[in-house]
Amino acid sequence: MDSDADVVPHTKLTVNNKAALRESLARIQLKWEKLPFDEHQSITYHSKVEEDIKDIYDDTERELQFFKQGLDAAIQGREKLLKLKIPFARPMDYFAEMVKTDEHMDKMKDKRKREKL
């Protein structure tokens, strides 16, 4: 390791101190390749997005590539979770707890009915 990495000179070099950034990354970086998928659940896209985008100023093309990247990650993640037999979907008969009580919702319905009349 570079002994100068922790030295922060008061110059413009501190803006992009690559040695310090690399050392900091090495201290906190997980070796996620060695961890089981269910512990990190991170997926890396198979190609660089900038290689797939021909015109960086074309918002539609950029958004489409981000969509493809997200969709690919969702498909891969779903396959991995199914393979590991880890449940990730809600049951069909699942009822989430409501933020507002039934009494409050009844009051709101009554109020809307009165407003319509």
PDB file of N, CA and C in Angstrom:
ATOM      1  N   MET A   1       0.839  -1.186   0.000  1.00  0.00           N
ATOM      2  CA  MET A   1       0.000   0.000   0.000  1.00  0.00           C
ATOM      3  C   MET A   1       0.880   1.244   0.000  1.00  0.00           C
ATOM      4  N   ASP A   2       0.347   2.280  -0.548  1.00  0.00           N
ATOM      5  CA  ASP A   2       1.083   3.527  -0.668  1.00  0.00           C
ATOM      6  C   ASP A   2       0.992   4.289   0.653  1.00  0.00           C
ATOM      7  N   SER A   3       2.129   4.645   1.227  1.00  0.00           N
ATOM      8  CA  SER A   3       2.129   5.353   2.506  1.00  0.00           C
ATOM      9  C   SER A   3       1.663   6.794   2.350  1.00  0.00           C
ATOM     10  N   ASP A   4       1.695   7.325   1.134  1.00  0.00           N
ATOM     11  CA  ASP A   4       1.251   8.693   0.889  1.00  0.00           C
ATOM     12  C   ASP A   4      -0.260   8.792   0.712  1.00  0.00           C
ATOM     13  N   ALA A   5      -0.955   7.672   0.742  1.00  0.00           N
ATOM     14  CA  ALA A   5      -2.390   7.678   0.470  1.00  0.00           C
ATOM     15  C   ALA A   5      -3.172   8.441   1.528  1.00  0.00           C
ATOM     16  N   ASP A   6      -2.730   8.374   2.795  1.00  0.00           N
ATOM     17  CA  ASP A   6      -3.459   9.060   3.862  1.00  0.00           C
ATOM     18  C   ASP A   6      -3.095  10.533   3.973  1.00  0.00           C
ATOM     19  N   VAL A   7      -2.050  10.951   3.307  1.00  0.00           N
ATOM     20  CA  VAL A   7      -1.630  12.347   3.339  1.00  0.00           C
ATOM     21  C   VAL A   7      -2.548  13.145   2.432  1.00  0.00           C
ATOM     22  N   VAL A   8      -3.175  14.157   2.998  1.00  0.00           N
ATOM     23  CA  VAL A   8      -4.092  14.984   2.225  1.00  0.00           C
ATOM     24  C   VAL A   8      -3.481  16.373   2.090  1.00  0.00           C
ATOM     25  N   PRO A   9      -2.784  16.617   0.997  1.00  0.00           N
ATOM     26  CA  PRO A   9      -2.204  17.952   0.805  1.00  0.00           C
ATOM     27  C   PRO A   9      -3.307  18.966   0.509  1.00  0.00           C
ATOM     28  N   HIS A  10      -3.078  20.191   0.933  1.00  0.00           N
ATOM     29  CA  HIS A  10      -4.063  21.246   0.721  1.00  0.00           C
ATOM     30  C   HIS A  10      -3.824  21.910  -0.629  1.00  0.00           C
ATOM     31  N   THR A  11      -3.989  21.127  -1.666  1.00  0.00           N
ATOM     32  CA  THR A  11      -3.854  21.632  -3.030  1.00  0.00           C
ATOM     33  C   THR A  11      -4.995  21.045  -3.846  1.00  0.00           C
ATOM     34  N   LYS A  12      -4.999  21.331  -5.131  1.00  0.00           N
ATOM     35  CA  LYS A  12      -6.035  20.797  -6.006  1.00  0.00           C
ATOM     36  C   LYS A  12      -5.941  19.281  -6.151  1.00  0.00           C
ATOM     37  N   LEU A  13      -4.819  18.684  -5.758  1.00  0.00           N
ATOM     38  CA  LEU A  13      -4.663  17.238  -5.860  1.00  0.00           C
ATOM     39  C   LEU A  13      -5.675  16.494  -4.993  1.00  0.00           C
ATOM     40  N   THR A  14      -6.193  17.122  -3.949  1.00  0.00           N
ATOM     41  CA  THR A  14      -7.155  16.454  -3.068  1.00  0.00           C
ATOM     42  C   THR A  14      -8.492  16.230  -3.754  1.00  0.00           C
ATOM     43  N   VAL A  15      -8.754  16.932  -4.835  1.00  0.00           N
ATOM     44  CA  VAL A  15     -10.011  16.756  -5.552  1.00  0.00           C
ATOM     45  C   VAL A  15     -10.098  15.361  -6.147  1.00  0.00           C
ATOM     46  N   ASN A  16      -8.981  14.861  -6.668  1.00  0.00           N
ATOM     47  CA  ASN A  16      -8.985  13.545  -7.292  1.00  0.00           C
ATOM     48  C   ASN A  16      -7.746  12.776  -6.841  1.00  0.00           C
ATOM     49  N   ASN A  17      -7.642  12.542  -5.550  1.00  0.00           N
ATOM     50  CA  ASN A  17      -6.505  11.825  -4.985  1.00  0.00           C
ATOM     51  C   ASN A  17      -6.730  10.336  -5.202  1.00  0.00           C
ATOM     52  N   LYS A  18      -6.277   9.837  -6.345  1.00  0.00           N
ATOM     53  CA  LYS A  18      -6.552   8.456  -6.748  1.00  0.00           C
ATOM     54  C   LYS A  18      -5.977   7.439  -5.769  1.00  0.00           C
ATOM     55  N   ALA A  19      -4.800   7.708  -5.248  1.00  0.00           N
ATOM     56  CA  ALA A  19      -4.180   6.759  -4.315  1.00  0.00           C
ATOM     57  C   ALA A  19      -5.028   6.613  -3.054  1.00  0.00           C
ATOM     58  N   ALA A  20      -5.486   7.732  -2.511  1.00  0.00           N
ATOM     59  CA  ALA A  20      -6.313   7.685  -1.301  1.00  0.00           C
ATOM     60  C   ALA A  20      -7.661   7.035  -1.586  1.00  0.00           C
ATOM     61  N   LEU A  21      -8.236   7.327  -2.748  1.00  0.00           N
ATOM     62  CA  LEU A  21      -9.515   6.720  -3.105  1.00  0.00           C
ATOM     63  C   LEU A  21      -9.390   5.205  -3.251  1.00  0.00           C
ATOM     64  N   ARG A  22      -8.326   4.757  -3.890  1.00  0.00           N
ATOM     65  CA  ARG A  22      -8.118   3.306  -4.060  1.00  0.00           C
ATOM     66  C   ARG A  22      -7.910   2.617  -2.716  1.00  0.00           C
ATOM     67  N   GLU A  23      -7.146   3.247  -1.836  1.00  0.00           N
ATOM     68  CA  GLU A  23      -6.901   2.648  -0.522  1.00  0.00           C
ATOM     69  C   GLU A  23      -8.190   2.607   0.300  1.00  0.00           C
ATOM     70  N   SER A  24      -8.973   3.668   0.245  1.00  0.00           N
ATOM     71  CA  SER A  24     -10.254   3.678   0.954  1.00  0.00           C
ATOM     72  C   SER A  24     -11.184   2.603   0.416  1.00  0.00           C
ATOM     73  N   LEU A  25     -11.219   2.454  -0.892  1.00  0.00           N
ATOM     74  CA  LEU A  25     -12.046   1.419  -1.507  1.00  0.00           C
ATOM     75  C   LEU A  25     -11.595   0.031  -1.059  1.00  0.00           C
ATOM     76  N   ALA A  26     -10.294  -0.191  -1.022  1.00  0.00           N
ATOM     77  CA  ALA A  26      -9.770  -1.500  -0.607  1.00  0.00           C
ATOM     78  C   ALA A  26     -10.154  -1.820   0.835  1.00  0.00           C
ATOM     79  N   ARG A  27     -10.250  -0.792   1.695  1.00  0.00           N
ATOM     80  CA  ARG A  27     -10.611  -1.023   3.098  1.00  0.00           C
ATOM     81  C   ARG A  27     -12.066  -1.433   3.263  1.00  0.00           C
ATOM     82  N   ILE A  28     -12.959  -0.887   2.440  1.00  0.00           N
ATOM     83  CA  ILE A  28     -14.393  -1.149   2.632  1.00  0.00           C
ATOM     84  C   ILE A  28     -14.980  -2.128   1.631  1.00  0.00           C
ATOM     85  N   GLN A  29     -14.214  -2.492   0.623  1.00  0.00           N
ATOM     86  CA  GLN A  29     -14.750  -3.320  -0.456  1.00  0.00           C
ATOM     87  C   GLN A  29     -14.980  -4.759  -0.004  1.00  0.00           C
ATOM     88  N   LEU A  30     -16.159  -5.276  -0.334  1.00  0.00           N
ATOM     89  CA  LEU A  30     -16.474  -6.677  -0.076  1.00  0.00           C
ATOM     90  C   LEU A  30     -16.047  -7.510  -1.272  1.00  0.00           C
ATOM     91  N   LYS A  31     -15.592  -8.684  -1.020  1.00  0.00           N
ATOM     92  CA  LYS A  31     -15.293  -9.627  -2.096  1.00  0.00           C
ATOM     93  C   LYS A  31     -16.590 -10.369  -2.408  1.00  0.00           C
ATOM     94  N   TRP A  32     -17.527  -9.681  -3.068  1.00  0.00           N
ATOM     95  CA  TRP A  32     -18.867 -10.226  -3.257  1.00  0.00           C
ATOM     96  C   TRP A  32     -18.889 -11.441  -4.162  1.00  0.00           C
ATOM     97  N   GLU A  33     -17.852 -11.631  -4.972  1.00  0.00           N
ATOM     98  CA  GLU A  33     -17.816 -12.822  -5.826  1.00  0.00           C
ATOM     99  C   GLU A  33     -17.742 -14.086  -4.980  1.00  0.00           C
ATOM    100  N   LYS A  34     -17.161 -13.975  -3.784  1.00  0.00           N
ATOM    101  CA  LYS A  34     -16.993 -15.127  -2.897  1.00  0.00           C
ATOM    102  C   LYS A  34     -18.194 -15.329  -1.976  1.00  0.00           C
ATOM    103  N   LEU A  35     -19.070 -14.350  -1.885  1.00  0.00           N
ATOM    104  CA  LEU A  35     -20.245 -14.454  -1.017  1.00  0.00           C
ATOM    105  C   LEU A  35     -21.405 -15.082  -1.770  1.00  0.00           C
ATOM    106  N   PRO A  36     -22.292 -15.789  -1.058  1.00  0.00           N
ATOM    107  CA  PRO A  36     -23.485 -16.313  -1.731  1.00  0.00           C
ATOM    108  C   PRO A  36     -24.384 -15.156  -2.187  1.00  0.00           C
ATOM    109  N   PHE A  37     -25.123 -15.384  -3.267  1.00  0.00           N
ATOM    110  CA  PHE A  37     -25.945 -14.328  -3.863  1.00  0.00           C
ATOM    111  C   PHE A  37     -26.944 -13.735  -2.876  1.00  0.00           C
ATOM    112  N   ASP A  38     -27.513 -14.571  -2.013  1.00  0.00           N
ATOM    113  CA  ASP A  38     -28.536 -14.059  -1.099  1.00  0.00           C
ATOM    114  C   ASP A  38     -27.970 -13.104  -0.048  1.00  0.00           C
ATOM    115  N   GLU A  39     -26.649 -13.011   0.083  1.00  0.00           N
ATOM    116  CA  GLU A  39     -26.065 -12.070   1.036  1.00  0.00           C
ATOM    117  C   GLU A  39     -25.769 -10.706   0.421  1.00  0.00           C
ATOM    118  N   HIS A  40     -25.542 -10.653  -0.881  1.00  0.00           N
ATOM    119  CA  HIS A  40     -25.221  -9.353  -1.485  1.00  0.00           C
ATOM    120  C   HIS A  40     -26.264  -8.918  -2.513  1.00  0.00           C
ATOM    121  N   GLN A  41     -26.911  -9.829  -3.194  1.00  0.00           N
ATOM    122  CA  GLN A  41     -27.947  -9.564  -4.194  1.00  0.00           C
ATOM    123  C   GLN A  41     -27.561  -8.440  -5.159  1.00  0.00           C
ATOM    124  N   SER A  42     -26.341  -8.488  -5.618  1.00  0.00           N
ATOM    125  CA  SER A  42     -25.904  -7.501  -6.608  1.00  0.00           C
ATOM    126  C   SER A  42     -25.620  -8.200  -7.924  1.00  0.00           C
ATOM    127  N   ILE A  43     -25.986  -7.530  -9.002  1.00  0.00           N
ATOM    128  CA  ILE A  43     -25.827  -8.088 -10.339  1.00  0.00           C
ATOM    129  C   ILE A  43     -25.112  -7.052 -11.193  1.00  0.00           C
ATOM    130  N   THR A  44     -24.119  -7.502 -11.919  1.00  0.00           N
ATOM    131  CA  THR A  44     -23.366  -6.621 -12.804  1.00  0.00           C
ATOM    132  C   THR A  44     -23.825  -6.859 -14.231  1.00  0.00           C
ATOM    133  N   TYR A  45     -24.099  -5.773 -14.936  1.00  0.00           N
ATOM    134  CA  TYR A  45     -24.550  -5.868 -16.324  1.00  0.00           C
ATOM    135  C   TYR A  45     -23.420  -6.402 -17.193  1.00  0.00           C
ATOM    136  N   HIS A  46     -23.761  -7.193 -18.187  1.00  0.00           N
ATOM    137  CA  HIS A  46     -22.768  -7.900 -18.997  1.00  0.00           C
ATOM    138  C   HIS A  46     -21.946  -7.006 -19.921  1.00  0.00           C
ATOM    139  N   SER A  47     -22.406  -5.798 -20.210  1.00  0.00           N
ATOM    140  CA  SER A  47     -21.610  -4.903 -21.057  1.00  0.00           C
ATOM    141  C   SER A  47     -21.703  -3.482 -20.517  1.00  0.00           C
ATOM    142  N   LYS A  48     -20.804  -2.637 -20.974  1.00  0.00           N
ATOM    143  CA  LYS A  48     -20.830  -1.244 -20.551  1.00  0.00           C
ATOM    144  C   LYS A  48     -21.941  -0.526 -21.302  1.00  0.00           C
ATOM    145  N   VAL A  49     -22.747   0.219 -20.575  1.00  0.00           N
ATOM    146  CA  VAL A  49     -23.876   0.923 -21.185  1.00  0.00           C
ATOM    147  C   VAL A  49     -23.392   1.937 -22.210  1.00  0.00           C
ATOM    148  N   GLU A  50     -22.270   2.582 -21.934  1.00  0.00           N
ATOM    149  CA  GLU A  50     -21.787   3.605 -22.874  1.00  0.00           C
ATOM    150  C   GLU A  50     -21.406   3.011 -24.227  1.00  0.00           C
ATOM    151  N   GLU A  51     -21.101   1.705 -24.262  1.00  0.00           N
ATOM    152  CA  GLU A  51     -20.808   1.064 -25.547  1.00  0.00           C
ATOM    153  C   GLU A  51     -22.074   0.860 -26.374  1.00  0.00           C
ATOM    154  N   ASP A  52     -23.212   0.713 -25.701  1.00  0.00           N
ATOM    155  CA  ASP A  52     -24.477   0.470 -26.391  1.00  0.00           C
ATOM    156  C   ASP A  52     -25.181   1.755 -26.820  1.00  0.00           C
ATOM    157  N   ILE A  53     -24.785   2.882 -26.252  1.00  0.00           N
ATOM    158  CA  ILE A  53     -25.423   4.163 -26.575  1.00  0.00           C
ATOM    159  C   ILE A  53     -24.607   4.854 -27.662  1.00  0.00           C
ATOM    160  N   LYS A  54     -25.223   5.016 -28.826  1.00  0.00           N
ATOM    161  CA  LYS A  54     -24.517   5.631 -29.953  1.00  0.00           C
ATOM    162  C   LYS A  54     -24.443   7.151 -29.812  1.00  0.00           C
ATOM    163  N   ASP A  55     -25.552   7.768 -29.405  1.00  0.00           N
ATOM    164  CA  ASP A  55     -25.604   9.218 -29.252  1.00  0.00           C
ATOM    165  C   ASP A  55     -25.935   9.529 -27.795  1.00  0.00           C
ATOM    166  N   ILE A  56     -24.969  10.037 -27.046  1.00  0.00           N
ATOM    167  CA  ILE A  56     -25.185  10.279 -25.618  1.00  0.00           C
ATOM    168  C   ILE A  56     -26.208  11.381 -25.350  1.00  0.00           C
ATOM    169  N   TYR A  57     -26.527  12.179 -26.361  1.00  0.00           N
ATOM    170  CA  TYR A  57     -27.493  13.260 -26.188  1.00  0.00           C
ATOM    171  C   TYR A  57     -28.916  12.819 -26.515  1.00  0.00           C
ATOM    172  N   ASP A  58     -29.083  11.588 -26.944  1.00  0.00           N
ATOM    173  CA  ASP A  58     -30.406  11.051 -27.254  1.00  0.00           C
ATOM    174  C   ASP A  58     -30.995  10.457 -25.972  1.00  0.00           C
ATOM    175  N   ASP A  59     -31.866  11.237 -25.316  1.00  0.00           N
ATOM    176  CA  ASP A  59     -32.447  10.813 -24.042  1.00  0.00           C
ATOM    177  C   ASP A  59     -33.203   9.498 -24.155  1.00  0.00           C
ATOM    178  N   THR A  60     -33.939   9.325 -25.244  1.00  0.00           N
ATOM    179  CA  THR A  60     -34.729   8.108 -25.421  1.00  0.00           C
ATOM    180  C   THR A  60     -33.830   6.885 -25.507  1.00  0.00           C
ATOM    181  N   GLU A  61     -32.761   6.993 -26.257  1.00  0.00           N
ATOM    182  CA  GLU A  61     -31.822   5.875 -26.390  1.00  0.00           C
ATOM    183  C   GLU A  61     -31.165   5.551 -25.044  1.00  0.00           C
ATOM    184  N   ARG A  62     -30.779   6.600 -24.303  1.00  0.00           N
ATOM    185  CA  ARG A  62     -30.167   6.385 -22.985  1.00  0.00           C
ATOM    186  C   ARG A  62     -31.142   5.706 -22.039  1.00  0.00           C
ATOM    187  N   GLU A  63     -32.368   6.206 -21.996  1.00  0.00           N
ATOM    188  CA  GLU A  63     -33.377   5.616 -21.114  1.00  0.00           C
ATOM    189  C   GLU A  63     -33.665   4.169 -21.494  1.00  0.00           C
ATOM    190  N   LEU A  64     -33.691   3.880 -22.792  1.00  0.00           N
ATOM    191  CA  LEU A  64     -33.930   2.514 -23.248  1.00  0.00           C
ATOM    192  C   LEU A  64     -32.808   1.585 -22.774  1.00  0.00           C
ATOM    193  N   GLN A  65     -31.573   2.045 -22.836  1.00  0.00           N
ATOM    194  CA  GLN A  65     -30.451   1.224 -22.369  1.00  0.00           C
ATOM    195  C   GLN A  65     -30.515   1.003 -20.859  1.00  0.00           C
ATOM    196  N   PHE A  66     -30.901   2.034 -20.107  1.00  0.00           N
ATOM    197  CA  PHE A  66     -31.050   1.869 -18.660  1.00  0.00           C
ATOM    198  C   PHE A  66     -32.181   0.893 -18.352  1.00  0.00           C
ATOM    199  N   PHE A  67     -33.263   0.976 -19.127  1.00  0.00           N
ATOM    200  CA  PHE A  67     -34.381   0.045 -18.963  1.00  0.00           C
ATOM    201  C   PHE A  67     -33.918  -1.387 -19.222  1.00  0.00           C
ATOM    202  N   LYS A  68     -33.173  -1.583 -20.319  1.00  0.00           N
ATOM    203  CA  LYS A  68     -32.670  -2.924 -20.652  1.00  0.00           C
ATOM    204  C   LYS A  68     -31.755  -3.452 -19.547  1.00  0.00           C
ATOM    205  N   GLN A  69     -30.928  -2.578 -19.017  1.00  0.00           N
ATOM    206  CA  GLN A  69     -30.011  -2.971 -17.950  1.00  0.00           C
ATOM    207  C   GLN A  69     -30.795  -3.395 -16.704  1.00  0.00           C
ATOM    208  N   GLY A  70     -31.792  -2.618 -16.334  1.00  0.00           N
ATOM    209  CA  GLY A  70     -32.613  -2.954 -15.172  1.00  0.00           C
ATOM    210  C   GLY A  70     -33.405  -4.228 -15.376  1.00  0.00           C
ATOM    211  N   LEU A  71     -33.975  -4.387 -16.569  1.00  0.00           N
ATOM    212  CA  LEU A  71     -34.747  -5.592 -16.878  1.00  0.00           C
ATOM    213  C   LEU A  71     -33.861  -6.831 -16.833  1.00  0.00           C
ATOM    214  N   ASP A  72     -32.677  -6.726 -17.398  1.00  0.00           N
ATOM    215  CA  ASP A  72     -31.738  -7.848 -17.381  1.00  0.00           C
ATOM    216  C   ASP A  72     -31.374  -8.225 -15.942  1.00  0.00           C
ATOM    217  N   ALA A  73     -31.122  -7.235 -15.101  1.00  0.00           N
ATOM    218  CA  ALA A  73     -30.783  -7.504 -13.699  1.00  0.00           C
ATOM    219  C   ALA A  73     -31.955  -8.152 -12.968  1.00  0.00           C
ATOM    220  N   ALA A  74     -33.178  -7.684 -13.239  1.00  0.00           N
ATOM    221  CA  ALA A  74     -34.356  -8.270 -12.595  1.00  0.00           C
ATOM    222  C   ALA A  74     -34.535  -9.730 -13.002  1.00  0.00           C
ATOM    223  N   ILE A  75     -34.338 -10.018 -14.277  1.00  0.00           N
ATOM    224  CA  ILE A  75     -34.481 -11.399 -14.761  1.00  0.00           C
ATOM    225  C   ILE A  75     -33.410 -12.292 -14.139  1.00  0.00           C
ATOM    226  N   GLN A  76     -32.167 -11.822 -14.140  1.00  0.00           N
ATOM    227  CA  GLN A  76     -31.086 -12.613 -13.541  1.00  0.00           C
ATOM    228  C   GLN A  76     -31.319 -12.834 -12.044  1.00  0.00           C
ATOM    229  N   GLY A  77     -31.716 -11.777 -11.348  1.00  0.00           N
ATOM    230  CA  GLY A  77     -31.962 -11.884  -9.912  1.00  0.00           C
ATOM    231  C   GLY A  77     -33.084 -12.853  -9.603  1.00  0.00           C
ATOM    232  N   ARG A  78     -34.155 -12.785 -10.390  1.00  0.00           N
ATOM    233  CA  ARG A  78     -35.287 -13.703 -10.206  1.00  0.00           C
ATOM    234  C   ARG A  78     -34.840 -15.145 -10.397  1.00  0.00           C
ATOM    235  N   GLU A  79     -34.055 -15.392 -11.453  1.00  0.00           N
ATOM    236  CA  GLU A  79     -33.568 -16.752 -11.718  1.00  0.00           C
ATOM    237  C   GLU A  79     -32.700 -17.261 -10.571  1.00  0.00           C
ATOM    238  N   LYS A  80     -31.824 -16.405 -10.065  1.00  0.00           N
ATOM    239  CA  LYS A  80     -30.937 -16.821  -8.975  1.00  0.00           C
ATOM    240  C   LYS A  80     -31.720 -17.103  -7.698  1.00  0.00           C
ATOM    241  N   LEU A  81     -32.705 -16.255  -7.384  1.00  0.00           N
ATOM    242  CA  LEU A  81     -33.504 -16.474  -6.181  1.00  0.00           C
ATOM    243  C   LEU A  81     -34.354 -17.735  -6.299  1.00  0.00           C
ATOM    244  N   LEU A  82     -34.909 -17.986  -7.486  1.00  0.00           N
ATOM    245  CA  LEU A  82     -35.671 -19.220  -7.692  1.00  0.00           C
ATOM    246  C   LEU A  82     -34.769 -20.439  -7.532  1.00  0.00           C
ATOM    247  N   LYS A  83     -33.565 -20.366  -8.072  1.00  0.00           N
ATOM    248  CA  LYS A  83     -32.613 -21.476  -7.980  1.00  0.00           C
ATOM    249  C   LYS A  83     -32.254 -21.765  -6.521  1.00  0.00           C
ATOM    250  N   LEU A  84     -32.121 -20.706  -5.717  1.00  0.00           N
ATOM    251  CA  LEU A  84     -31.795 -20.855  -4.297  1.00  0.00           C
ATOM    252  C   LEU A  84     -33.026 -21.132  -3.438  1.00  0.00           C
ATOM    253  N   LYS A  85     -34.207 -21.153  -4.076  1.00  0.00           N
ATOM    254  CA  LYS A  85     -35.488 -21.383  -3.390  1.00  0.00           C
ATOM    255  C   LYS A  85     -35.737 -20.350  -2.288  1.00  0.00           C
ATOM    256  N   ILE A  86     -35.440 -19.101  -2.617  1.00  0.00           N
ATOM    257  CA  ILE A  86     -35.676 -17.991  -1.698  1.00  0.00           C
ATOM    258  C   ILE A  86     -36.941 -17.276  -2.154  1.00  0.00           C
ATOM    259  N   PRO A  87     -37.976 -17.224  -1.303  1.00  0.00           N
ATOM    260  CA  PRO A  87     -39.211 -16.545  -1.715  1.00  0.00           C
ATOM    261  C   PRO A  87     -38.984 -15.036  -1.846  1.00  0.00           C
ATOM    262  N   PHE A  88     -39.584 -14.452  -2.880  1.00  0.00           N
ATOM    263  CA  PHE A  88     -39.414 -13.015  -3.096  1.00  0.00           C
ATOM    264  C   PHE A  88     -40.710 -12.340  -3.516  1.00  0.00           C
ATOM    265  N   ALA A  89     -41.765 -13.108  -3.735  1.00  0.00           N
ATOM    266  CA  ALA A  89     -43.041 -12.531  -4.172  1.00  0.00           C
ATOM    267  C   ALA A  89     -44.074 -12.672  -3.057  1.00  0.00           C
ATOM    268  N   ARG A  90     -45.012 -11.768  -3.049  1.00  0.00           N
ATOM    269  CA  ARG A  90     -46.107 -11.833  -2.081  1.00  0.00           C
ATOM    270  C   ARG A  90     -47.075 -12.937  -2.484  1.00  0.00           C
ATOM    271  N   PRO A  91     -47.681 -13.602  -1.510  1.00  0.00           N
ATOM    272  CA  PRO A  91     -48.709 -14.588  -1.861  1.00  0.00           C
ATOM    273  C   PRO A  91     -49.907 -13.897  -2.512  1.00  0.00           C
ATOM    274  N   MET A  92     -50.626 -14.634  -3.347  1.00  0.00           N
ATOM    275  CA  MET A  92     -51.765 -14.046  -4.067  1.00  0.00           C
ATOM    276  C   MET A  92     -52.845 -13.539  -3.114  1.00  0.00           C
ATOM    277  N   ASP A  93     -52.979 -14.159  -1.939  1.00  0.00           N
ATOM    278  CA  ASP A  93     -54.019 -13.751  -0.996  1.00  0.00           C
ATOM    279  C   ASP A  93     -53.478 -12.811   0.088  1.00  0.00           C
ATOM    280  N   TYR A  94     -52.353 -12.159  -0.170  1.00  0.00           N
ATOM    281  CA  TYR A  94     -51.736 -11.272   0.810  1.00  0.00           C
ATOM    282  C   TYR A  94     -52.476  -9.935   0.844  1.00  0.00           C
ATOM    283  N   PHE A  95     -52.820  -9.496   2.040  1.00  0.00           N
ATOM    284  CA  PHE A  95     -53.449  -8.193   2.224  1.00  0.00           C
ATOM    285  C   PHE A  95     -52.518  -7.338   3.078  1.00  0.00           C
ATOM    286  N   ALA A  96     -52.025  -6.274   2.501  1.00  0.00           N
ATOM    287  CA  ALA A  96     -51.134  -5.382   3.239  1.00  0.00           C
ATOM    288  C   ALA A  96     -51.944  -4.549   4.218  1.00  0.00           C
ATOM    289  N   GLU A  97     -51.318  -4.217   5.321  1.00  0.00           N
ATOM    290  CA  GLU A  97     -51.981  -3.375   6.303  1.00  0.00           C
ATOM    291  C   GLU A  97     -52.099  -1.965   5.737  1.00  0.00           C
ATOM    292  N   MET A  98     -53.276  -1.399   5.862  1.00  0.00           N
ATOM    293  CA  MET A  98     -53.517  -0.069   5.320  1.00  0.00           C
ATOM    294  C   MET A  98     -52.942   0.994   6.256  1.00  0.00           C
ATOM    295  N   VAL A  99     -52.532   2.092   5.676  1.00  0.00           N
ATOM    296  CA  VAL A  99     -52.007   3.196   6.466  1.00  0.00           C
ATOM    297  C   VAL A  99     -53.145   3.873   7.219  1.00  0.00           C
ATOM    298  N   LYS A 100     -54.288   4.005   6.543  1.00  0.00           N
ATOM    299  CA  LYS A 100     -55.449   4.642   7.166  1.00  0.00           C
ATOM    300  C   LYS A 100     -56.430   3.569   7.620  1.00  0.00           C
ATOM    301  N   THR A 101     -57.088   3.835   8.729  1.00  0.00           N
ATOM    302  CA  THR A 101     -58.032   2.861   9.284  1.00  0.00           C
ATOM    303  C   THR A 101     -59.289   2.783   8.424  1.00  0.00           C
ATOM    304  N   ASP A 102     -60.042   1.700   8.593  1.00  0.00           N
ATOM    305  CA  ASP A 102     -61.304   1.540   7.868  1.00  0.00           C
ATOM    306  C   ASP A 102     -62.288   2.648   8.242  1.00  0.00           C
ATOM    307  N   GLU A 103     -62.272   3.051   9.513  1.00  0.00           N
ATOM    308  CA  GLU A 103     -63.176   4.125   9.953  1.00  0.00           C
ATOM    309  C   GLU A 103     -62.865   5.428   9.208  1.00  0.00           C
ATOM    310  N   HIS A 104     -61.593   5.724   9.077  1.00  0.00           N
ATOM    311  CA  HIS A 104     -61.199   6.942   8.365  1.00  0.00           C
ATOM    312  C   HIS A 104     -61.625   6.868   6.898  1.00  0.00           C
ATOM    313  N   MET A 105     -61.434   5.711   6.281  1.00  0.00           N
ATOM    314  CA  MET A 105     -61.823   5.549   4.879  1.00  0.00           C
ATOM    315  C   MET A 105     -63.339   5.671   4.722  1.00  0.00           C
ATOM    316  N   ASP A 106     -64.105   5.134   5.677  1.00  0.00           N
ATOM    317  CA  ASP A 106     -65.567   5.274   5.631  1.00  0.00           C
ATOM    318  C   ASP A 106     -65.974   6.743   5.719  1.00  0.00           C
ATOM    319  N   LYS A 107     -65.303   7.506   6.581  1.00  0.00           N
ATOM    320  CA  LYS A 107     -65.583   8.939   6.691  1.00  0.00           C
ATOM    321  C   LYS A 107     -65.315   9.642   5.363  1.00  0.00           C
ATOM    322  N   MET A 108     -64.211   9.282   4.722  1.00  0.00           N
ATOM    323  CA  MET A 108     -63.861   9.900   3.446  1.00  0.00           C
ATOM    324  C   MET A 108     -64.890   9.554   2.365  1.00  0.00           C
ATOM    325  N   LYS A 109     -65.363   8.304   2.351  1.00  0.00           N
ATOM    326  CA  LYS A 109     -66.381   7.900   1.376  1.00  0.00           C
ATOM    327  C   LYS A 109     -67.667   8.680   1.595  1.00  0.00           C
ATOM    328  N   ASP A 110     -68.076   8.811   2.869  1.00  0.00           N
ATOM    329  CA  ASP A 110     -69.291   9.569   3.183  1.00  0.00           C
ATOM    330  C   ASP A 110     -69.146  11.028   2.759  1.00  0.00           C
ATOM    331  N   LYS A 111     -67.995  11.603   3.003  1.00  0.00           N
ATOM    332  CA  LYS A 111     -67.750  12.996   2.637  1.00  0.00           C
ATOM    333  C   LYS A 111     -67.842  13.173   1.124  1.00  0.00           C
ATOM    334  N   ARG A 112     -67.263  12.248   0.365  1.00  0.00           N
ATOM    335  CA  ARG A 112     -67.313  12.333  -1.103  1.00  0.00           C
ATOM    336  C   ARG A 112     -68.744  12.180  -1.609  1.00  0.00           C
ATOM    337  N   LYS A 113     -69.518  11.304  -0.960  1.00  0.00           N
ATOM    338  CA  LYS A 113     -70.920  11.125  -1.363  1.00  0.00           C
ATOM    339  C   LYS A 113     -71.695  12.416  -1.142  1.00  0.00           C
ATOM    340  N   ARG A 114     -71.457  13.073   0.015  1.00  0.00           N
ATOM    341  CA  ARG A 114     -72.149  14.328   0.314  1.00  0.00           C
ATOM    342  C   ARG A 114     -71.753  15.415  -0.684  1.00  0.00           C
ATOM    343  N   GLU A 115     -70.479  15.442  -1.083  1.00  0.00           N
ATOM    344  CA  GLU A 115     -70.012  16.454  -2.029  1.00  0.00           C
ATOM    345  C   GLU A 115     -70.630  16.264  -3.406  1.00  0.00           C
ATOM    346  N   LYS A 116     -70.907  15.028  -3.791  1.00  0.00           N
ATOM    347  CA  LYS A 116     -71.501  14.753  -5.095  1.00  0.00           C
ATOM    348  C   LYS A 116     -72.962  15.174  -5.143  1.00  0.00           C
ATOM    349  N   LEU A 117     -73.633  15.150  -4.003  1.00  0.00           N
ATOM    350  CA  LEU A 117     -75.056  15.529  -3.960  1.00  0.00           C
ATOM    351  C   LEU A 117     -75.221  16.988  -4.002  1.00  0.00           C
TER     352      LEU A 117
END
